[in-house]
Amino acid sequence: MPDVVRLLALRDTPLDVAEVLAAVEDAGAGGVVSFTGLVRDSDGGRDVTELEYVAHPDAEAALRRVAEAVAADLPVRALAAVHRTGLLAVGDIAVVVAASAAHRGQAFEAARRLIDDLKEQTPIWKRQVFREGDQEWVGSP
């Protein structure tokens, strides 16, 4: 069987959901689940105007470790994850993950674990800019 981890990337250009879904296509898959994270216009009751994602130089290696752990623990056919870096506007795609598996429950579990572990273990930090002009860092050390 080919490598289960098919696509991993950090990009400073717009993300393509179709590319991520294509990466997890597999003839043995009965289910494909994806998650697309978008920049929303508010956080904690405050208006957000833009976000900036900054990744540690080791972030892509950390993302690979996360995906390989999911692949080792769960019966998946394929995994893919792409996270955006740089300045993003409200409505932009910030992250896309996808998982394919023989059955839908396995695909749901793998996609959920992939996004949750990515957010917890990959050193990517978010700077939120608010309409009032102030800003805050989220997830930074």
Foldseek 3Di string as FASTA:
>chain_A
DPDQEQAFEEEQDADDQVVQQVSADDPLFPAKDKDWDFAAQDDPRFGFFKKFKDFDPCQRVQLVVQLVVLVVPAQWRHKYKYAYGGMDGGGTTGMMIMTTHNDHVRRVVSNVSSVVCSVVGGRMKMWTATPVGDIDIPPHD
